[in-house]
Amino acid sequence: MTPRTIIYDDQCGSCSKFARAAFRAARGRIRAVGHYTDEGARIGREMLGPSAREMFWVIEDGRAYGGRSALLPLARAIIGRGSPGGGGPPPAACTSGSCGSSALSRAAGMLSRGEVR
């Protein structure tokens, strides 16, 4: 089974922080893949279409959810419900300790401030 995957803008500082926070909050039950990586570009071509880089995506059970539609699958990953996922390394810099234990709180704050669309 393909693990749940979050696709994010890895050239955007806020987006990368959001992806790191989501990865940490989900305790590794998701994979994080940047839009601008080889794998992210391939997924964009095969599944998401030309405007894919305008938002973050969650891919779950072969279906892609973008932007606000991706919040519920992401929440399922965070609370450990739904499809099993996991694996893959954390988003860049997450292993350096910069992803604190309050990752869910930070992700919620980013959403409330409109830093994530």
N, C-alpha and C. Protein backbone atom coordinates (compact mmCIF):
# COMPACT_ATOMS: atom_id res chain seq x y z
N MET A 1 0.85 -1.18 0.00
CA MET A 1 0.00 0.00 0.00
C MET A 1 0.89 1.24 0.00
N THR A 2 0.54 2.23 -0.81
CA THR A 2 1.30 3.46 -0.89
C THR A 2 1.04 4.30 0.36
N PRO A 3 2.10 4.78 0.99
CA PRO A 3 1.89 5.59 2.18
C PRO A 3 1.25 6.94 1.85
N ARG A 4 0.54 7.48 2.81
CA ARG A 4 -0.04 8.81 2.67
C ARG A 4 1.12 9.78 2.45
N THR A 5 0.95 10.73 1.53
CA THR A 5 2.02 11.63 1.15
C THR A 5 1.51 13.06 1.15
N ILE A 6 2.31 13.98 1.73
CA ILE A 6 2.02 15.40 1.61
C ILE A 6 2.99 15.97 0.59
N ILE A 7 2.46 16.73 -0.36
CA ILE A 7 3.26 17.38 -1.38
C ILE A 7 3.21 18.88 -1.06
N TYR A 8 4.37 19.50 -0.92
CA TYR A 8 4.42 20.89 -0.49
C TYR A 8 5.45 21.66 -1.29
N ASP A 9 5.37 22.99 -1.23
CA ASP A 9 6.32 23.86 -1.93
C ASP A 9 7.60 23.92 -1.12
N ASP A 10 8.59 23.18 -1.56
CA ASP A 10 9.85 23.11 -0.83
C ASP A 10 10.78 24.29 -1.12
N GLN A 11 10.30 25.28 -1.87
CA GLN A 11 11.08 26.51 -2.07
C GLN A 11 10.47 27.66 -1.26
N CYS A 12 9.46 27.37 -0.47
CA CYS A 12 8.76 28.37 0.35
C CYS A 12 9.05 28.06 1.82
N GLY A 13 9.61 29.01 2.53
CA GLY A 13 9.96 28.79 3.92
C GLY A 13 8.77 28.41 4.79
N SER A 14 7.67 29.14 4.68
CA SER A 14 6.48 28.84 5.48
C SER A 14 5.90 27.48 5.13
N CYS A 15 5.90 27.17 3.85
CA CYS A 15 5.37 25.88 3.40
C CYS A 15 6.21 24.73 3.94
N SER A 16 7.52 24.92 3.91
CA SER A 16 8.42 23.88 4.43
C SER A 16 8.24 23.71 5.93
N LYS A 17 8.06 24.81 6.64
CA LYS A 17 7.80 24.72 8.09
C LYS A 17 6.49 23.98 8.35
N PHE A 18 5.48 24.27 7.55
CA PHE A 18 4.19 23.59 7.69
C PHE A 18 4.36 22.09 7.46
N ALA A 19 5.11 21.72 6.41
CA ALA A 19 5.32 20.30 6.11
C ALA A 19 6.08 19.61 7.24
N ARG A 20 7.11 20.29 7.79
CA ARG A 20 7.85 19.71 8.91
C ARG A 20 6.94 19.53 10.12
N ALA A 21 6.12 20.53 10.40
CA ALA A 21 5.20 20.44 11.54
C ALA A 21 4.20 19.29 11.34
N ALA A 22 3.69 19.15 10.12
CA ALA A 22 2.74 18.07 9.83
C ALA A 22 3.41 16.71 9.98
N PHE A 23 4.64 16.60 9.46
CA PHE A 23 5.37 15.33 9.55
C PHE A 23 5.58 14.95 11.01
N ARG A 24 6.03 15.90 11.79
CA ARG A 24 6.28 15.63 13.21
C ARG A 24 4.99 15.28 13.94
N ALA A 25 3.94 16.04 13.69
CA ALA A 25 2.66 15.79 14.36
C ALA A 25 2.11 14.42 14.00
N ALA A 26 2.33 13.99 12.76
CA ALA A 26 1.84 12.69 12.31
C ALA A 26 2.77 11.56 12.74
N ARG A 27 3.85 11.88 13.40
CA ARG A 27 4.82 10.90 13.90
C ARG A 27 5.28 9.93 12.81
N GLY A 28 5.55 10.48 11.63
CA GLY A 28 6.09 9.66 10.56
C GLY A 28 5.07 8.85 9.79
N ARG A 29 3.77 9.07 10.03
CA ARG A 29 2.75 8.31 9.30
C ARG A 29 2.48 8.88 7.91
N ILE A 30 3.22 9.91 7.54
CA ILE A 30 3.11 10.47 6.19
C ILE A 30 4.51 10.61 5.62
N ARG A 31 4.57 10.66 4.30
CA ARG A 31 5.82 11.00 3.62
C ARG A 31 5.68 12.45 3.20
N ALA A 32 6.75 13.19 3.20
CA ALA A 32 6.74 14.57 2.74
C ALA A 32 7.60 14.66 1.49
N VAL A 33 7.03 15.21 0.43
CA VAL A 33 7.72 15.32 -0.86
C VAL A 33 7.55 16.75 -1.36
N GLY A 34 8.66 17.40 -1.68
CA GLY A 34 8.61 18.76 -2.21
C GLY A 34 8.16 18.79 -3.66
N HIS A 35 7.42 19.84 -4.01
CA HIS A 35 6.99 20.02 -5.41
C HIS A 35 8.17 20.04 -6.36
N TYR A 36 9.30 20.60 -5.92
CA TYR A 36 10.43 20.82 -6.80
C TYR A 36 11.46 19.70 -6.78
N THR A 37 11.14 18.60 -6.14
CA THR A 37 12.02 17.44 -6.19
C THR A 37 11.66 16.62 -7.44
N ASP A 38 12.51 15.68 -7.80
CA ASP A 38 12.21 14.83 -8.95
C ASP A 38 10.90 14.07 -8.73
N GLU A 39 10.74 13.52 -7.53
CA GLU A 39 9.51 12.77 -7.25
C GLU A 39 8.29 13.68 -7.24
N GLY A 40 8.43 14.88 -6.66
CA GLY A 40 7.32 15.82 -6.64
C GLY A 40 6.90 16.24 -8.04
N ALA A 41 7.88 16.47 -8.90
CA ALA A 41 7.58 16.83 -10.29
C ALA A 41 6.86 15.69 -11.00
N ARG A 42 7.31 14.47 -10.75
CA ARG A 42 6.67 13.30 -11.37
C ARG A 42 5.22 13.18 -10.90
N ILE A 43 5.00 13.30 -9.61
CA ILE A 43 3.64 13.21 -9.07
C ILE A 43 2.77 14.32 -9.64
N GLY A 44 3.35 15.52 -9.74
CA GLY A 44 2.60 16.64 -10.32
C GLY A 44 2.15 16.36 -11.74
N ARG A 45 3.06 15.82 -12.55
CA ARG A 45 2.71 15.50 -13.94
C ARG A 45 1.67 14.40 -14.02
N GLU A 46 1.85 13.34 -13.22
CA GLU A 46 1.01 12.15 -13.34
C GLU A 46 -0.35 12.29 -12.65
N MET A 47 -0.43 13.05 -11.58
CA MET A 47 -1.65 13.07 -10.78
C MET A 47 -2.30 14.43 -10.61
N LEU A 48 -1.50 15.50 -10.57
CA LEU A 48 -2.03 16.76 -10.07
C LEU A 48 -2.34 17.81 -11.12
N GLY A 49 -1.61 17.84 -12.20
CA GLY A 49 -1.89 18.81 -13.24
C GLY A 49 -1.04 20.06 -13.15
N PRO A 50 -1.25 20.99 -14.11
CA PRO A 50 -0.36 22.13 -14.26
C PRO A 50 -0.40 23.15 -13.11
N SER A 51 -1.47 23.26 -12.38
CA SER A 51 -1.55 24.25 -11.29
C SER A 51 -1.24 23.64 -9.93
N ALA A 52 -0.61 22.49 -9.91
CA ALA A 52 -0.36 21.76 -8.67
C ALA A 52 0.46 22.55 -7.66
N ARG A 53 1.37 23.35 -8.12
CA ARG A 53 2.28 24.05 -7.20
C ARG A 53 1.62 25.23 -6.49
N GLU A 54 0.36 25.49 -6.77
CA GLU A 54 -0.33 26.60 -6.12
C GLU A 54 -0.79 26.28 -4.70
N MET A 55 -0.69 25.01 -4.29
CA MET A 55 -1.17 24.62 -2.96
C MET A 55 -0.48 23.35 -2.53
N PHE A 56 -0.72 22.97 -1.27
CA PHE A 56 -0.18 21.69 -0.82
C PHE A 56 -1.22 20.61 -1.10
N TRP A 57 -0.75 19.38 -1.16
CA TRP A 57 -1.59 18.25 -1.49
C TRP A 57 -1.35 17.11 -0.52
N VAL A 58 -2.38 16.32 -0.29
CA VAL A 58 -2.23 15.05 0.42
C VAL A 58 -2.73 13.98 -0.52
N ILE A 59 -1.91 12.98 -0.73
CA ILE A 59 -2.30 11.83 -1.56
C ILE A 59 -2.55 10.68 -0.61
N GLU A 60 -3.75 10.12 -0.73
CA GLU A 60 -4.18 9.05 0.18
C GLU A 60 -4.99 8.04 -0.63
N ASP A 61 -4.62 6.79 -0.56
CA ASP A 61 -5.33 5.73 -1.27
C ASP A 61 -5.51 6.03 -2.76
N GLY A 62 -4.47 6.59 -3.38
CA GLY A 62 -4.51 6.87 -4.80
C GLY A 62 -5.33 8.08 -5.20
N ARG A 63 -5.83 8.84 -4.23
CA ARG A 63 -6.60 10.06 -4.50
C ARG A 63 -5.83 11.26 -4.01
N ALA A 64 -5.91 12.37 -4.75
CA ALA A 64 -5.21 13.59 -4.39
C ALA A 64 -6.19 14.62 -3.87
N TYR A 65 -5.84 15.23 -2.74
CA TYR A 65 -6.65 16.27 -2.11
C TYR A 65 -5.79 17.52 -2.02
N GLY A 66 -6.27 18.65 -2.55
CA GLY A 66 -5.47 19.87 -2.56
C GLY A 66 -6.03 20.96 -1.68
N GLY A 67 -5.13 21.75 -1.10
CA GLY A 67 -5.52 22.92 -0.31
C GLY A 67 -6.39 22.53 0.87
N ARG A 68 -7.51 23.25 1.03
CA ARG A 68 -8.41 22.98 2.15
C ARG A 68 -8.95 21.56 2.14
N SER A 69 -9.11 20.99 0.96
CA SER A 69 -9.60 19.61 0.88
C SER A 69 -8.61 18.62 1.46
N ALA A 70 -7.35 19.02 1.55
CA ALA A 70 -6.31 18.14 2.08
C ALA A 70 -6.24 18.15 3.60
N LEU A 71 -6.95 19.07 4.24
CA LEU A 71 -6.85 19.18 5.70
C LEU A 71 -7.40 17.96 6.42
N LEU A 72 -8.51 17.41 5.96
CA LEU A 72 -9.07 16.23 6.62
C LEU A 72 -8.15 15.01 6.49
N PRO A 73 -7.65 14.68 5.29
CA PRO A 73 -6.69 13.57 5.22
C PRO A 73 -5.43 13.84 6.05
N LEU A 74 -5.00 15.08 6.10
CA LEU A 74 -3.83 15.40 6.92
C LEU A 74 -4.16 15.21 8.40
N ALA A 75 -5.33 15.64 8.82
CA ALA A 75 -5.74 15.44 10.22
C ALA A 75 -5.82 13.96 10.55
N ARG A 76 -6.30 13.14 9.61
CA ARG A 76 -6.34 11.69 9.85
C ARG A 76 -4.94 11.13 10.06
N ALA A 77 -3.98 11.65 9.31
CA ALA A 77 -2.60 11.20 9.49
C ALA A 77 -2.07 11.61 10.85
N ILE A 78 -2.42 12.82 11.28
CA ILE A 78 -1.92 13.33 12.55
C ILE A 78 -2.48 12.54 13.72
N ILE A 79 -3.77 12.20 13.65
CA ILE A 79 -4.36 11.46 14.77
C ILE A 79 -4.23 9.96 14.61
N GLY A 80 -3.70 9.53 13.47
CA GLY A 80 -3.42 8.11 13.28
C GLY A 80 -4.62 7.30 12.84
N ARG A 81 -5.53 7.90 12.13
CA ARG A 81 -6.71 7.19 11.63
C ARG A 81 -6.63 7.04 10.12
N GLY A 82 -7.42 6.15 9.59
CA GLY A 82 -7.49 5.99 8.14
C GLY A 82 -6.37 5.12 7.62
N SER A 83 -5.99 5.39 6.42
CA SER A 83 -4.99 4.57 5.73
C SER A 83 -3.67 4.58 6.47
N PRO A 84 -3.05 3.42 6.53
CA PRO A 84 -1.71 3.43 7.11
C PRO A 84 -0.78 4.16 6.17
N GLY A 85 0.12 4.88 6.71
CA GLY A 85 1.09 5.57 5.88
C GLY A 85 2.44 5.37 6.51
N GLY A 86 3.26 6.29 6.26
CA GLY A 86 4.51 6.29 6.97
C GLY A 86 5.69 6.09 6.09
N GLY A 87 6.78 6.25 6.72
CA GLY A 87 8.03 6.05 6.02
C GLY A 87 8.53 7.32 5.41
N GLY A 88 9.68 7.19 4.90
CA GLY A 88 10.32 8.32 4.27
C GLY A 88 10.96 9.22 5.30
N PRO A 89 11.92 9.99 4.86
CA PRO A 89 12.59 10.89 5.78
C PRO A 89 11.72 12.09 6.08
N PRO A 90 12.00 12.78 7.17
CA PRO A 90 11.26 14.01 7.46
C PRO A 90 11.62 15.08 6.44
N PRO A 91 10.78 16.12 6.32
CA PRO A 91 11.15 17.22 5.44
C PRO A 91 12.48 17.82 5.89
N ALA A 92 13.14 18.49 4.99
CA ALA A 92 14.47 19.05 5.26
C ALA A 92 14.52 19.78 6.59
N ALA A 93 15.57 19.56 7.34
CA ALA A 93 15.87 20.22 8.61
C ALA A 93 15.08 19.70 9.78
N CYS A 94 14.16 18.78 9.59
CA CYS A 94 13.36 18.30 10.71
C CYS A 94 14.21 17.49 11.68
N THR A 95 15.24 16.87 11.21
CA THR A 95 16.07 16.06 12.09
C THR A 95 17.01 16.91 12.93
N SER A 96 17.06 18.20 12.66
CA SER A 96 17.98 19.06 13.41
C SER A 96 17.40 19.52 14.73
N GLY A 97 16.20 19.10 15.06
CA GLY A 97 15.58 19.52 16.31
C GLY A 97 14.74 20.78 16.17
N SER A 98 14.62 21.31 14.95
CA SER A 98 13.86 22.53 14.77
C SER A 98 12.36 22.30 14.77
N CYS A 99 11.94 21.04 14.75
CA CYS A 99 10.52 20.72 14.78
C CYS A 99 10.17 20.39 16.23
N GLY A 100 9.69 21.34 16.94
CA GLY A 100 9.40 21.16 18.37
C GLY A 100 8.24 20.23 18.62
N SER A 101 7.99 19.95 19.89
CA SER A 101 6.94 19.01 20.26
C SER A 101 5.55 19.60 20.05
N SER A 102 5.46 20.90 19.85
CA SER A 102 4.15 21.52 19.66
C SER A 102 3.86 21.73 18.18
N ALA A 103 4.22 20.76 17.37
CA ALA A 103 4.08 20.89 15.92
C ALA A 103 2.64 21.12 15.51
N LEU A 104 1.71 20.43 16.14
CA LEU A 104 0.30 20.60 15.78
C LEU A 104 -0.14 22.02 16.10
N SER A 105 0.28 22.55 17.24
CA SER A 105 -0.07 23.92 17.60
C SER A 105 0.50 24.91 16.60
N ARG A 106 1.75 24.70 16.18
CA ARG A 106 2.35 25.59 15.20
C ARG A 106 1.62 25.50 13.87
N ALA A 107 1.26 24.29 13.45
CA ALA A 107 0.54 24.12 12.18
C ALA A 107 -0.81 24.82 12.26
N ALA A 108 -1.50 24.69 13.37
CA ALA A 108 -2.80 25.36 13.54
C ALA A 108 -2.62 26.87 13.50
N GLY A 109 -1.56 27.39 14.13
CA GLY A 109 -1.29 28.82 14.10
C GLY A 109 -1.03 29.32 12.70
N MET A 110 -0.27 28.55 11.93
CA MET A 110 0.02 28.93 10.56
C MET A 110 -1.26 28.99 9.75
N LEU A 111 -2.15 28.03 9.97
CA LEU A 111 -3.43 28.04 9.25
C LEU A 111 -4.26 29.25 9.65
N SER A 112 -4.33 29.55 10.94
CA SER A 112 -5.17 30.67 11.40
C SER A 112 -4.64 32.03 10.93
N ARG A 113 -3.34 32.14 10.73
CA ARG A 113 -2.75 33.39 10.26
C ARG A 113 -2.80 33.50 8.74
N GLY A 114 -3.31 32.50 8.07
CA GLY A 114 -3.40 32.53 6.62
C GLY A 114 -2.09 32.27 5.91
N GLU A 115 -1.10 31.70 6.63
CA GLU A 115 0.19 31.44 6.02
C GLU A 115 0.16 30.23 5.12
N VAL A 116 -0.88 29.43 5.22
CA VAL A 116 -1.04 28.24 4.40
C VAL A 116 -2.37 28.36 3.69
N ARG A 117 -2.35 28.19 2.40
CA ARG A 117 -3.60 28.28 1.63
C ARG A 117 -4.05 26.91 1.22
